[in-house]
Amino acid sequence: MGLFRRLFKSKEKEDLGPAPPTVLPMRNDPCWCNSGLKYKKCHLEQDQIYLEKLRLKKKEASKSCSPKYG
């Protein structure tokens, strides 16, 4: 990695992990990764963590753009 990239690393490129599909299965449906396991035993927890990180990232971005009152 070049010096310029190391100095000006963006927080935007923070790794959130693998993205889940846009339509998530229900808890007892087969997992979207085709592992043969139920979704609740396979990727449910990882997808919830990913979506929570995404929500926090969006919340921080909206706070930085909003005007300060008071």
N, C-alpha and C. Protein backbone atom coordinates (compact mmCIF):
# COMPACT_ATOMS: atom_id res chain seq x y z
N MET A 1 0.85 -1.17 0.00
CA MET A 1 0.00 0.00 0.00
C MET A 1 0.90 1.22 0.00
N GLY A 2 0.56 2.19 -0.84
CA GLY A 2 1.37 3.39 -0.96
C GLY A 2 1.24 4.31 0.23
N LEU A 3 2.20 5.21 0.35
CA LEU A 3 2.23 6.16 1.45
C LEU A 3 0.98 7.04 1.45
N PHE A 4 0.60 7.52 0.28
CA PHE A 4 -0.57 8.39 0.17
C PHE A 4 -1.83 7.69 0.67
N ARG A 5 -2.00 6.44 0.28
CA ARG A 5 -3.20 5.69 0.71
C ARG A 5 -3.19 5.44 2.20
N ARG A 6 -2.01 5.18 2.76
CA ARG A 6 -1.95 4.94 4.21
C ARG A 6 -2.24 6.21 5.00
N LEU A 7 -1.80 7.36 4.49
CA LEU A 7 -2.02 8.61 5.19
C LEU A 7 -3.48 9.06 5.14
N PHE A 8 -4.12 8.84 4.02
CA PHE A 8 -5.48 9.33 3.82
C PHE A 8 -6.48 8.19 3.72
N LYS A 9 -6.35 7.24 4.61
CA LYS A 9 -7.28 6.11 4.63
C LYS A 9 -8.66 6.61 5.01
N SER A 10 -9.66 6.16 4.30
CA SER A 10 -11.02 6.61 4.53
C SER A 10 -11.72 5.65 5.50
N LYS A 11 -12.55 6.21 6.37
CA LYS A 11 -13.36 5.38 7.26
C LYS A 11 -14.49 4.73 6.49
N GLU A 12 -14.81 5.25 5.32
CA GLU A 12 -15.88 4.70 4.49
C GLU A 12 -15.63 3.25 4.12
N LYS A 13 -14.38 2.84 4.01
CA LYS A 13 -14.04 1.50 3.56
C LYS A 13 -13.95 0.50 4.71
N GLU A 14 -14.58 0.81 5.81
CA GLU A 14 -14.59 -0.09 6.96
C GLU A 14 -15.27 -1.40 6.58
N ASP A 15 -14.61 -2.49 6.90
CA ASP A 15 -15.14 -3.79 6.52
C ASP A 15 -16.26 -4.20 7.44
N LEU A 16 -17.43 -4.45 6.85
CA LEU A 16 -18.59 -4.88 7.62
C LEU A 16 -18.79 -6.39 7.54
N GLY A 17 -17.97 -7.05 6.76
CA GLY A 17 -18.11 -8.48 6.57
C GLY A 17 -18.93 -8.77 5.33
N PRO A 18 -19.22 -10.03 5.08
CA PRO A 18 -19.98 -10.38 3.88
C PRO A 18 -21.43 -9.90 3.99
N ALA A 19 -21.93 -9.35 2.92
CA ALA A 19 -23.29 -8.82 2.92
C ALA A 19 -24.31 -9.94 2.75
N PRO A 20 -25.37 -9.93 3.54
CA PRO A 20 -26.44 -10.92 3.37
C PRO A 20 -27.26 -10.58 2.13
N PRO A 21 -28.07 -11.51 1.64
CA PRO A 21 -28.92 -11.20 0.49
C PRO A 21 -29.96 -10.15 0.86
N THR A 22 -30.55 -9.53 -0.16
CA THR A 22 -31.51 -8.45 0.12
C THR A 22 -32.78 -8.95 0.78
N VAL A 23 -33.22 -10.16 0.44
CA VAL A 23 -34.39 -10.75 1.09
C VAL A 23 -33.90 -11.91 1.96
N LEU A 24 -34.03 -11.74 3.27
CA LEU A 24 -33.55 -12.77 4.19
C LEU A 24 -34.62 -13.83 4.41
N PRO A 25 -34.21 -15.09 4.59
CA PRO A 25 -35.19 -16.15 4.87
C PRO A 25 -35.71 -16.04 6.30
N MET A 26 -36.80 -16.73 6.57
CA MET A 26 -37.33 -16.80 7.92
C MET A 26 -36.44 -17.73 8.74
N ARG A 27 -36.59 -17.72 10.06
CA ARG A 27 -35.71 -18.47 10.95
C ARG A 27 -35.62 -19.96 10.60
N ASN A 28 -36.72 -20.60 10.31
CA ASN A 28 -36.73 -22.05 10.09
C ASN A 28 -36.60 -22.46 8.63
N ASP A 29 -36.39 -21.51 7.75
CA ASP A 29 -36.15 -21.82 6.33
C ASP A 29 -34.71 -22.27 6.15
N PRO A 30 -34.42 -22.95 5.04
CA PRO A 30 -33.01 -23.30 4.76
C PRO A 30 -32.18 -22.03 4.58
N CYS A 31 -30.93 -22.10 4.97
CA CYS A 31 -30.05 -20.93 4.90
C CYS A 31 -29.79 -20.55 3.44
N TRP A 32 -29.54 -19.27 3.22
CA TRP A 32 -29.30 -18.76 1.87
C TRP A 32 -27.95 -19.21 1.31
N CYS A 33 -27.06 -19.72 2.14
CA CYS A 33 -25.73 -20.14 1.67
C CYS A 33 -25.72 -21.58 1.15
N ASN A 34 -26.88 -22.24 1.18
CA ASN A 34 -27.02 -23.63 0.71
C ASN A 34 -26.17 -24.62 1.50
N SER A 35 -26.03 -24.39 2.79
CA SER A 35 -25.26 -25.30 3.63
C SER A 35 -26.08 -26.51 4.05
N GLY A 36 -27.38 -26.43 3.91
CA GLY A 36 -28.26 -27.52 4.35
C GLY A 36 -28.77 -27.31 5.76
N LEU A 37 -28.29 -26.31 6.46
CA LEU A 37 -28.74 -26.00 7.82
C LEU A 37 -29.89 -25.01 7.77
N LYS A 38 -30.62 -24.94 8.88
CA LYS A 38 -31.65 -23.91 9.00
C LYS A 38 -30.94 -22.56 9.16
N TYR A 39 -31.63 -21.51 8.73
CA TYR A 39 -31.07 -20.16 8.79
C TYR A 39 -30.69 -19.76 10.22
N LYS A 40 -31.51 -20.14 11.20
CA LYS A 40 -31.24 -19.75 12.58
C LYS A 40 -29.96 -20.38 13.13
N LYS A 41 -29.56 -21.52 12.58
CA LYS A 41 -28.35 -22.20 13.05
C LYS A 41 -27.11 -21.81 12.23
N CYS A 42 -27.32 -21.17 11.09
CA CYS A 42 -26.21 -20.91 10.18
C CYS A 42 -25.81 -19.43 10.15
N HIS A 43 -26.59 -18.57 9.53
CA HIS A 43 -26.18 -17.19 9.30
C HIS A 43 -27.03 -16.13 10.01
N LEU A 44 -28.00 -16.50 10.80
CA LEU A 44 -28.89 -15.52 11.42
C LEU A 44 -28.10 -14.52 12.27
N GLU A 45 -27.25 -14.99 13.14
CA GLU A 45 -26.51 -14.11 14.03
C GLU A 45 -25.55 -13.20 13.26
N GLN A 46 -24.85 -13.75 12.28
CA GLN A 46 -23.91 -12.95 11.48
C GLN A 46 -24.64 -11.86 10.71
N ASP A 47 -25.80 -12.19 10.15
CA ASP A 47 -26.57 -11.20 9.40
C ASP A 47 -27.09 -10.10 10.32
N GLN A 48 -27.50 -10.44 11.53
CA GLN A 48 -27.97 -9.43 12.48
C GLN A 48 -26.83 -8.48 12.86
N ILE A 49 -25.64 -9.01 13.06
CA ILE A 49 -24.48 -8.18 13.39
C ILE A 49 -24.16 -7.24 12.22
N TYR A 50 -24.18 -7.77 11.00
CA TYR A 50 -23.91 -6.97 9.81
C TYR A 50 -24.92 -5.82 9.69
N LEU A 51 -26.19 -6.13 9.85
CA LEU A 51 -27.22 -5.11 9.70
C LEU A 51 -27.13 -4.05 10.81
N GLU A 52 -26.77 -4.45 12.01
CA GLU A 52 -26.60 -3.49 13.11
C GLU A 52 -25.43 -2.55 12.83
N LYS A 53 -24.32 -3.08 12.33
CA LYS A 53 -23.18 -2.23 11.96
C LYS A 53 -23.57 -1.26 10.86
N LEU A 54 -24.36 -1.72 9.91
CA LEU A 54 -24.81 -0.88 8.81
C LEU A 54 -25.70 0.25 9.34
N ARG A 55 -26.60 -0.08 10.27
CA ARG A 55 -27.47 0.95 10.86
C ARG A 55 -26.65 1.99 11.61
N LEU A 56 -25.67 1.55 12.38
CA LEU A 56 -24.83 2.50 13.14
C LEU A 56 -24.03 3.39 12.20
N LYS A 57 -23.54 2.82 11.12
CA LYS A 57 -22.76 3.59 10.15
C LYS A 57 -23.63 4.66 9.51
N LYS A 58 -24.88 4.31 9.15
CA LYS A 58 -25.80 5.28 8.56
C LYS A 58 -26.18 6.35 9.57
N LYS A 59 -26.34 5.94 10.83
CA LYS A 59 -26.72 6.89 11.88
C LYS A 59 -25.60 7.91 12.10
N GLU A 60 -24.34 7.45 12.11
CA GLU A 60 -23.20 8.35 12.28
C GLU A 60 -23.09 9.30 11.10
N ALA A 61 -23.34 8.80 9.90
CA ALA A 61 -23.27 9.65 8.71
C ALA A 61 -24.34 10.72 8.74
N SER A 62 -25.52 10.39 9.21
CA SER A 62 -26.59 11.39 9.26
C SER A 62 -26.33 12.42 10.35
N LYS A 63 -25.69 12.03 11.43
CA LYS A 63 -25.36 12.98 12.50
C LYS A 63 -24.32 13.99 12.03
N SER A 64 -23.34 13.53 11.24
CA SER A 64 -22.29 14.43 10.81
C SER A 64 -22.79 15.44 9.79
N CYS A 65 -23.90 15.18 9.13
CA CYS A 65 -24.45 16.07 8.11
C CYS A 65 -25.52 17.00 8.66
N SER A 66 -26.03 16.72 9.84
CA SER A 66 -27.13 17.52 10.37
C SER A 66 -26.58 18.78 11.06
N PRO A 67 -27.34 19.89 10.99
CA PRO A 67 -26.91 21.11 11.66
C PRO A 67 -27.00 20.97 13.18
N LYS A 68 -26.16 21.66 13.87
CA LYS A 68 -26.14 21.63 15.33
C LYS A 68 -27.04 22.74 15.88
N TYR A 69 -28.02 22.34 16.68
CA TYR A 69 -28.93 23.30 17.30
C TYR A 69 -28.73 23.27 18.81
N GLY A 70 -28.90 24.42 19.41
CA GLY A 70 -28.93 24.46 20.84
C GLY A 70 -27.67 24.71 21.47
